[in-house]
Amino acid sequence: MTTLTVNIDSKKTEKAIKAILDAFGLDYNIAHAETTKRALNKSEQIIYDRLKKSAEEIKLYKEGKIQLQDATEFLNEL
């Protein structure tokens, strides 16, 4: 007996694979992962880091620990 584990992200693909397994008369079990975490790619990590830094700056601003740049000043720098 051989066990095959296949990770499927698409419902359409899952349905097709199930149809194939049924056509061959094979027994199978389906287990849905609750949360599958994957490593972020480089560009996703950069965005995540920037958002995390921005959230921290907003928190510090709300606590009165830093002053944020005025939107007009920001646009003038562009």
PDB file of N, CA and C in Angstrom:
ATOM      1  N   MET A   1       0.853  -1.184   0.000  1.00  0.00           N
ATOM      2  CA  MET A   1       0.000   0.000   0.000  1.00  0.00           C
ATOM      3  C   MET A   1       0.891   1.238   0.000  1.00  0.00           C
ATOM      4  N   THR A   2       0.514   2.213  -0.773  1.00  0.00           N
ATOM      5  CA  THR A   2       1.246   3.468  -0.876  1.00  0.00           C
ATOM      6  C   THR A   2       0.345   4.608  -0.446  1.00  0.00           C
ATOM      7  N   THR A   3       0.913   5.553   0.313  1.00  0.00           N
ATOM      8  CA  THR A   3       0.181   6.746   0.727  1.00  0.00           C
ATOM      9  C   THR A   3       0.737   7.933  -0.040  1.00  0.00           C
ATOM     10  N   LEU A   4      -0.142   8.703  -0.603  1.00  0.00           N
ATOM     11  CA  LEU A   4       0.236   9.876  -1.382  1.00  0.00           C
ATOM     12  C   LEU A   4      -0.406  11.101  -0.739  1.00  0.00           C
ATOM     13  N   THR A   5       0.397  12.100  -0.429  1.00  0.00           N
ATOM     14  CA  THR A   5      -0.124  13.345   0.139  1.00  0.00           C
ATOM     15  C   THR A   5      -0.021  14.429  -0.923  1.00  0.00           C
ATOM     16  N   VAL A   6      -1.138  15.072  -1.190  1.00  0.00           N
ATOM     17  CA  VAL A   6      -1.183  16.126  -2.200  1.00  0.00           C
ATOM     18  C   VAL A   6      -1.780  17.366  -1.561  1.00  0.00           C
ATOM     19  N   ASN A   7      -1.096  18.492  -1.683  1.00  0.00           N
ATOM     20  CA  ASN A   7      -1.606  19.765  -1.167  1.00  0.00           C
ATOM     21  C   ASN A   7      -2.260  20.522  -2.317  1.00  0.00           C
ATOM     22  N   ILE A   8      -3.541  20.810  -2.167  1.00  0.00           N
ATOM     23  CA  ILE A   8      -4.308  21.458  -3.230  1.00  0.00           C
ATOM     24  C   ILE A   8      -4.876  22.775  -2.701  1.00  0.00           C
ATOM     25  N   ASP A   9      -4.664  23.856  -3.451  1.00  0.00           N
ATOM     26  CA  ASP A   9      -5.147  25.176  -3.046  1.00  0.00           C
ATOM     27  C   ASP A   9      -6.465  25.561  -3.712  1.00  0.00           C
ATOM     28  N   SER A  10      -6.870  24.820  -4.716  1.00  0.00           N
ATOM     29  CA  SER A  10      -8.044  25.200  -5.502  1.00  0.00           C
ATOM     30  C   SER A  10      -9.158  24.163  -5.351  1.00  0.00           C
ATOM     31  N   LYS A  11     -10.370  24.631  -5.105  1.00  0.00           N
ATOM     32  CA  LYS A  11     -11.531  23.737  -5.010  1.00  0.00           C
ATOM     33  C   LYS A  11     -11.773  23.019  -6.339  1.00  0.00           C
ATOM     34  N   LYS A  12     -11.550  23.727  -7.437  1.00  0.00           N
ATOM     35  CA  LYS A  12     -11.744  23.138  -8.758  1.00  0.00           C
ATOM     36  C   LYS A  12     -10.775  21.979  -8.974  1.00  0.00           C
ATOM     37  N   THR A  13      -9.519  22.177  -8.605  1.00  0.00           N
ATOM     38  CA  THR A  13      -8.521  21.121  -8.733  1.00  0.00           C
ATOM     39  C   THR A  13      -8.841  19.964  -7.808  1.00  0.00           C
ATOM     40  N   GLU A  14      -9.269  20.271  -6.594  1.00  0.00           N
ATOM     41  CA  GLU A  14      -9.636  19.223  -5.640  1.00  0.00           C
ATOM     42  C   GLU A  14     -10.747  18.339  -6.217  1.00  0.00           C
ATOM     43  N   LYS A  15     -11.728  18.968  -6.809  1.00  0.00           N
ATOM     44  CA  LYS A  15     -12.850  18.227  -7.397  1.00  0.00           C
ATOM     45  C   LYS A  15     -12.364  17.317  -8.527  1.00  0.00           C
ATOM     46  N   ALA A  16     -11.448  17.826  -9.365  1.00  0.00           N
ATOM     47  CA  ALA A  16     -10.925  17.036 -10.485  1.00  0.00           C
ATOM     48  C   ALA A  16     -10.119  15.843  -9.986  1.00  0.00           C
ATOM     49  N   ILE A  17      -9.283  16.056  -8.975  1.00  0.00           N
ATOM     50  CA  ILE A  17      -8.467  14.975  -8.423  1.00  0.00           C
ATOM     51  C   ILE A  17      -9.366  13.910  -7.795  1.00  0.00           C
ATOM     52  N   LYS A  18     -10.386  14.344  -7.082  1.00  0.00           N
ATOM     53  CA  LYS A  18     -11.323  13.392  -6.475  1.00  0.00           C
ATOM     54  C   LYS A  18     -12.013  12.560  -7.555  1.00  0.00           C
ATOM     55  N   ALA A  19     -12.373  13.174  -8.668  1.00  0.00           N
ATOM     56  CA  ALA A  19     -13.024  12.452  -9.764  1.00  0.00           C
ATOM     57  C   ALA A  19     -12.076  11.404 -10.345  1.00  0.00           C
ATOM     58  N   ILE A  20     -10.824  11.746 -10.479  1.00  0.00           N
ATOM     59  CA  ILE A  20      -9.828  10.792 -10.997  1.00  0.00           C
ATOM     60  C   ILE A  20      -9.674   9.613 -10.040  1.00  0.00           C
ATOM     61  N   LEU A  21      -9.538   9.919  -8.750  1.00  0.00           N
ATOM     62  CA  LEU A  21      -9.394   8.851  -7.762  1.00  0.00           C
ATOM     63  C   LEU A  21     -10.623   7.944  -7.738  1.00  0.00           C
ATOM     64  N   ASP A  22     -11.797   8.539  -7.848  1.00  0.00           N
ATOM     65  CA  ASP A  22     -13.041   7.756  -7.904  1.00  0.00           C
ATOM     66  C   ASP A  22     -13.072   6.865  -9.150  1.00  0.00           C
ATOM     67  N   ALA A  23     -12.621   7.429 -10.282  1.00  0.00           N
ATOM     68  CA  ALA A  23     -12.626   6.667 -11.539  1.00  0.00           C
ATOM     69  C   ALA A  23     -11.727   5.440 -11.442  1.00  0.00           C
ATOM     70  N   PHE A  24     -10.629   5.548 -10.705  1.00  0.00           N
ATOM     71  CA  PHE A  24      -9.729   4.413 -10.511  1.00  0.00           C
ATOM     72  C   PHE A  24     -10.176   3.501  -9.375  1.00  0.00           C
ATOM     73  N   GLY A  25     -11.215   3.900  -8.670  1.00  0.00           N
ATOM     74  CA  GLY A  25     -11.729   3.095  -7.574  1.00  0.00           C
ATOM     75  C   GLY A  25     -10.818   3.100  -6.348  1.00  0.00           C
ATOM     76  N   LEU A  26     -10.087   4.188  -6.160  1.00  0.00           N
ATOM     77  CA  LEU A  26      -9.149   4.295  -5.038  1.00  0.00           C
ATOM     78  C   LEU A  26      -9.821   4.906  -3.818  1.00  0.00           C
ATOM     79  N   ASP A  27      -9.413   4.438  -2.641  1.00  0.00           N
ATOM     80  CA  ASP A  27      -9.871   5.034  -1.387  1.00  0.00           C
ATOM     81  C   ASP A  27      -8.991   6.238  -1.070  1.00  0.00           C
ATOM     82  N   TYR A  28      -9.602   7.287  -0.538  1.00  0.00           N
ATOM     83  CA  TYR A  28      -8.825   8.463  -0.171  1.00  0.00           C
ATOM     84  C   TYR A  28      -9.482   9.160   1.011  1.00  0.00           C
ATOM     85  N   ASN A  29      -8.671   9.933   1.719  1.00  0.00           N
ATOM     86  CA  ASN A  29      -9.134  10.744   2.847  1.00  0.00           C
ATOM     87  C   ASN A  29      -8.821  12.193   2.538  1.00  0.00           C
ATOM     88  N   ILE A  30      -9.706  13.059   2.958  1.00  0.00           N
ATOM     89  CA  ILE A  30      -9.495  14.495   2.748  1.00  0.00           C
ATOM     90  C   ILE A  30      -9.353  15.164   4.102  1.00  0.00           C
ATOM     91  N   ALA A  31      -8.254  15.874   4.274  1.00  0.00           N
ATOM     92  CA  ALA A  31      -8.013  16.639   5.499  1.00  0.00           C
ATOM     93  C   ALA A  31      -7.763  18.087   5.097  1.00  0.00           C
ATOM     94  N   HIS A  32      -8.597  18.971   5.599  1.00  0.00           N
ATOM     95  CA  HIS A  32      -8.435  20.387   5.285  1.00  0.00           C
ATOM     96  C   HIS A  32      -7.567  21.041   6.352  1.00  0.00           C
ATOM     97  N   ALA A  33      -6.507  21.685   5.918  1.00  0.00           N
ATOM     98  CA  ALA A  33      -5.624  22.389   6.848  1.00  0.00           C
ATOM     99  C   ALA A  33      -6.331  23.646   7.332  1.00  0.00           C
ATOM    100  N   GLU A  34      -6.288  23.874   8.621  1.00  0.00           N
ATOM    101  CA  GLU A  34      -6.935  25.062   9.188  1.00  0.00           C
ATOM    102  C   GLU A  34      -6.202  26.328   8.740  1.00  0.00           C
ATOM    103  N   THR A  35      -4.933  26.367   9.011  1.00  0.00           N
ATOM    104  CA  THR A  35      -4.117  27.486   8.553  1.00  0.00           C
ATOM    105  C   THR A  35      -2.763  26.937   8.138  1.00  0.00           C
ATOM    106  N   THR A  36      -2.481  27.069   6.886  1.00  0.00           N
ATOM    107  CA  THR A  36      -1.190  26.632   6.388  1.00  0.00           C
ATOM    108  C   THR A  36      -0.328  27.870   6.221  1.00  0.00           C
ATOM    109  N   LYS A  37       0.732  27.917   6.995  1.00  0.00           N
ATOM    110  CA  LYS A  37       1.628  29.065   6.899  1.00  0.00           C
ATOM    111  C   LYS A  37       2.762  28.721   5.957  1.00  0.00           C
ATOM    112  N   ARG A  38       3.080  29.653   5.100  1.00  0.00           N
ATOM    113  CA  ARG A  38       4.211  29.484   4.209  1.00  0.00           C
ATOM    114  C   ARG A  38       5.138  30.661   4.399  1.00  0.00           C
ATOM    115  N   ALA A  39       6.356  30.474   4.039  1.00  0.00           N
ATOM    116  CA  ALA A  39       7.324  31.556   4.148  1.00  0.00           C
ATOM    117  C   ALA A  39       6.973  32.641   3.128  1.00  0.00           C
ATOM    118  N   LEU A  40       7.166  33.885   3.535  1.00  0.00           N
ATOM    119  CA  LEU A  40       6.928  34.990   2.618  1.00  0.00           C
ATOM    120  C   LEU A  40       8.061  35.071   1.613  1.00  0.00           C
ATOM    121  N   ASN A  41       7.727  35.435   0.384  1.00  0.00           N
ATOM    122  CA  ASN A  41       8.808  35.659  -0.575  1.00  0.00           C
ATOM    123  C   ASN A  41       9.415  37.029  -0.288  1.00  0.00           C
ATOM    124  N   LYS A  42      10.462  37.390  -1.002  1.00  0.00           N
ATOM    125  CA  LYS A  42      11.222  38.607  -0.703  1.00  0.00           C
ATOM    126  C   LYS A  42      10.360  39.872  -0.758  1.00  0.00           C
ATOM    127  N   SER A  43       9.565  40.013  -1.803  1.00  0.00           N
ATOM    128  CA  SER A  43       8.749  41.231  -1.932  1.00  0.00           C
ATOM    129  C   SER A  43       7.644  41.265  -0.870  1.00  0.00           C
ATOM    130  N   GLU A  44       7.069  40.116  -0.534  1.00  0.00           N
ATOM    131  CA  GLU A  44       6.055  40.066   0.520  1.00  0.00           C
ATOM    132  C   GLU A  44       6.659  40.422   1.872  1.00  0.00           C
ATOM    133  N   GLN A  45       7.896  39.960   2.121  1.00  0.00           N
ATOM    134  CA  GLN A  45       8.566  40.260   3.380  1.00  0.00           C
ATOM    135  C   GLN A  45       8.852  41.751   3.502  1.00  0.00           C
ATOM    136  N   ILE A  46       9.249  42.383   2.404  1.00  0.00           N
ATOM    137  CA  ILE A  46       9.516  43.822   2.405  1.00  0.00           C
ATOM    138  C   ILE A  46       8.241  44.588   2.746  1.00  0.00           C
ATOM    139  N   ILE A  47       7.124  44.222   2.115  1.00  0.00           N
ATOM    140  CA  ILE A  47       5.847  44.888   2.388  1.00  0.00           C
ATOM    141  C   ILE A  47       5.431  44.669   3.839  1.00  0.00           C
ATOM    142  N   TYR A  48       5.568  43.437   4.316  1.00  0.00           N
ATOM    143  CA  TYR A  48       5.217  43.126   5.708  1.00  0.00           C
ATOM    144  C   TYR A  48       6.039  43.974   6.670  1.00  0.00           C
ATOM    145  N   ASP A  49       7.345  44.051   6.435  1.00  0.00           N
ATOM    146  CA  ASP A  49       8.212  44.835   7.319  1.00  0.00           C
ATOM    147  C   ASP A  49       7.832  46.309   7.321  1.00  0.00           C
ATOM    148  N   ARG A  50       7.499  46.850   6.147  1.00  0.00           N
ATOM    149  CA  ARG A  50       7.102  48.263   6.060  1.00  0.00           C
ATOM    150  C   ARG A  50       5.789  48.518   6.791  1.00  0.00           C
ATOM    151  N   LEU A  51       4.832  47.615   6.626  1.00  0.00           N
ATOM    152  CA  LEU A  51       3.550  47.772   7.324  1.00  0.00           C
ATOM    153  C   LEU A  51       3.726  47.653   8.834  1.00  0.00           C
ATOM    154  N   LYS A  52       4.570  46.749   9.263  1.00  0.00           N
ATOM    155  CA  LYS A  52       4.835  46.572  10.684  1.00  0.00           C
ATOM    156  C   LYS A  52       5.476  47.830  11.268  1.00  0.00           C
ATOM    157  N   LYS A  53       6.441  48.408  10.528  1.00  0.00           N
ATOM    158  CA  LYS A  53       7.102  49.637  10.972  1.00  0.00           C
ATOM    159  C   LYS A  53       6.091  50.787  11.034  1.00  0.00           C
ATOM    160  N   SER A  54       5.221  50.879  10.031  1.00  0.00           N
ATOM    161  CA  SER A  54       4.217  51.939  10.009  1.00  0.00           C
ATOM    162  C   SER A  54       3.250  51.806  11.184  1.00  0.00           C
ATOM    163  N   ALA A  55       2.839  50.592  11.485  1.00  0.00           N
ATOM    164  CA  ALA A  55       1.933  50.370  12.613  1.00  0.00           C
ATOM    165  C   ALA A  55       2.612  50.772  13.928  1.00  0.00           C
ATOM    166  N   GLU A  56       3.879  50.464  14.058  1.00  0.00           N
ATOM    167  CA  GLU A  56       4.619  50.838  15.269  1.00  0.00           C
ATOM    168  C   GLU A  56       4.729  52.364  15.375  1.00  0.00           C
ATOM    169  N   GLU A  57       4.975  53.048  14.246  1.00  0.00           N
ATOM    170  CA  GLU A  57       5.050  54.510  14.259  1.00  0.00           C
ATOM    171  C   GLU A  57       3.712  55.132  14.653  1.00  0.00           C
ATOM    172  N   ILE A  58       2.616  54.574  14.163  1.00  0.00           N
ATOM    173  CA  ILE A  58       1.286  55.072  14.535  1.00  0.00           C
ATOM    174  C   ILE A  58       1.053  54.890  16.034  1.00  0.00           C
ATOM    175  N   LYS A  59       1.455  53.755  16.551  1.00  0.00           N
ATOM    176  CA  LYS A  59       1.314  53.490  17.985  1.00  0.00           C
ATOM    177  C   LYS A  59       2.111  54.509  18.800  1.00  0.00           C
ATOM    178  N   LEU A  60       3.366  54.761  18.392  1.00  0.00           N
ATOM    179  CA  LEU A  60       4.196  55.729  19.105  1.00  0.00           C
ATOM    180  C   LEU A  60       3.618  57.136  19.003  1.00  0.00           C
ATOM    181  N   TYR A  61       3.030  57.474  17.839  1.00  0.00           N
ATOM    182  CA  TYR A  61       2.399  58.779  17.658  1.00  0.00           C
ATOM    183  C   TYR A  61       1.215  58.936  18.610  1.00  0.00           C
ATOM    184  N   LYS A  62       0.394  57.897  18.697  1.00  0.00           N
ATOM    185  CA  LYS A  62      -0.767  57.949  19.588  1.00  0.00           C
ATOM    186  C   LYS A  62      -0.354  58.087  21.048  1.00  0.00           C
ATOM    187  N   GLU A  63       0.803  57.522  21.385  1.00  0.00           N
ATOM    188  CA  GLU A  63       1.311  57.617  22.754  1.00  0.00           C
ATOM    189  C   GLU A  63       2.021  58.952  23.004  1.00  0.00           C
ATOM    190  N   GLY A  64       2.168  59.767  21.937  1.00  0.00           N
ATOM    191  CA  GLY A  64       2.809  61.062  22.069  1.00  0.00           C
ATOM    192  C   GLY A  64       4.320  61.000  22.121  1.00  0.00           C
ATOM    193  N   LYS A  65       4.903  59.893  21.707  1.00  0.00           N
ATOM    194  CA  LYS A  65       6.354  59.711  21.785  1.00  0.00           C
ATOM    195  C   LYS A  65       7.085  60.209  20.550  1.00  0.00           C
ATOM    196  N   ILE A  66       6.378  60.335  19.419  1.00  0.00           N
ATOM    197  CA  ILE A  66       6.995  60.860  18.196  1.00  0.00           C
ATOM    198  C   ILE A  66       6.023  61.794  17.501  1.00  0.00           C
ATOM    199  N   GLN A  67       6.548  62.617  16.626  1.00  0.00           N
ATOM    200  CA  GLN A  67       5.738  63.479  15.777  1.00  0.00           C
ATOM    201  C   GLN A  67       5.831  62.947  14.355  1.00  0.00           C
ATOM    202  N   LEU A  68       4.710  62.870  13.671  1.00  0.00           N
ATOM    203  CA  LEU A  68       4.705  62.416  12.291  1.00  0.00           C
ATOM    204  C   LEU A  68       4.827  63.599  11.350  1.00  0.00           C
ATOM    205  N   GLN A  69       5.353  63.325  10.169  1.00  0.00           N
ATOM    206  CA  GLN A  69       5.524  64.349   9.154  1.00  0.00           C
ATOM    207  C   GLN A  69       4.159  64.757   8.606  1.00  0.00           C
ATOM    208  N   ASP A  70       3.975  66.045   8.394  1.00  0.00           N
ATOM    209  CA  ASP A  70       2.754  66.575   7.809  1.00  0.00           C
ATOM    210  C   ASP A  70       2.643  66.095   6.361  1.00  0.00           C
ATOM    211  N   ALA A  71       1.432  65.830   5.893  1.00  0.00           N
ATOM    212  CA  ALA A  71       1.214  65.332   4.536  1.00  0.00           C
ATOM    213  C   ALA A  71       1.731  66.308   3.489  1.00  0.00           C
ATOM    214  N   THR A  72       1.581  67.591   3.727  1.00  0.00           N
ATOM    215  CA  THR A  72       2.070  68.603   2.791  1.00  0.00           C
ATOM    216  C   THR A  72       3.579  68.529   2.675  1.00  0.00           C
ATOM    217  N   GLU A  73       4.270  68.389   3.795  1.00  0.00           N
ATOM    218  CA  GLU A  73       5.730  68.255   3.773  1.00  0.00           C
ATOM    219  C   GLU A  73       6.147  67.008   2.995  1.00  0.00           C
ATOM    220  N   PHE A  74       5.430  65.928   3.223  1.00  0.00           N
ATOM    221  CA  PHE A  74       5.727  64.671   2.528  1.00  0.00           C
ATOM    222  C   PHE A  74       5.592  64.853   1.027  1.00  0.00           C
ATOM    223  N   LEU A  75       4.484  65.473   0.590  1.00  0.00           N
ATOM    224  CA  LEU A  75       4.258  65.668  -0.833  1.00  0.00           C
ATOM    225  C   LEU A  75       5.272  66.614  -1.455  1.00  0.00           C
ATOM    226  N   ASN A  76       5.723  67.609  -0.694  1.00  0.00           N
ATOM    227  CA  ASN A  76       6.744  68.530  -1.194  1.00  0.00           C
ATOM    228  C   ASN A  76       8.070  67.818  -1.421  1.00  0.00           C
ATOM    229  N   GLU A  77       8.358  66.777  -0.639  1.00  0.00           N
ATOM    230  CA  GLU A  77       9.597  66.031  -0.808  1.00  0.00           C
ATOM    231  C   GLU A  77       9.582  65.212  -2.103  1.00  0.00           C
ATOM    232  N   LEU A  78       8.385  64.839  -2.534  1.00  0.00           N
ATOM    233  CA  LEU A  78       8.276  64.055  -3.771  1.00  0.00           C
ATOM    234  C   LEU A  78       8.586  64.926  -4.960  1.00  0.00           C
TER     235      LEU A  78
END
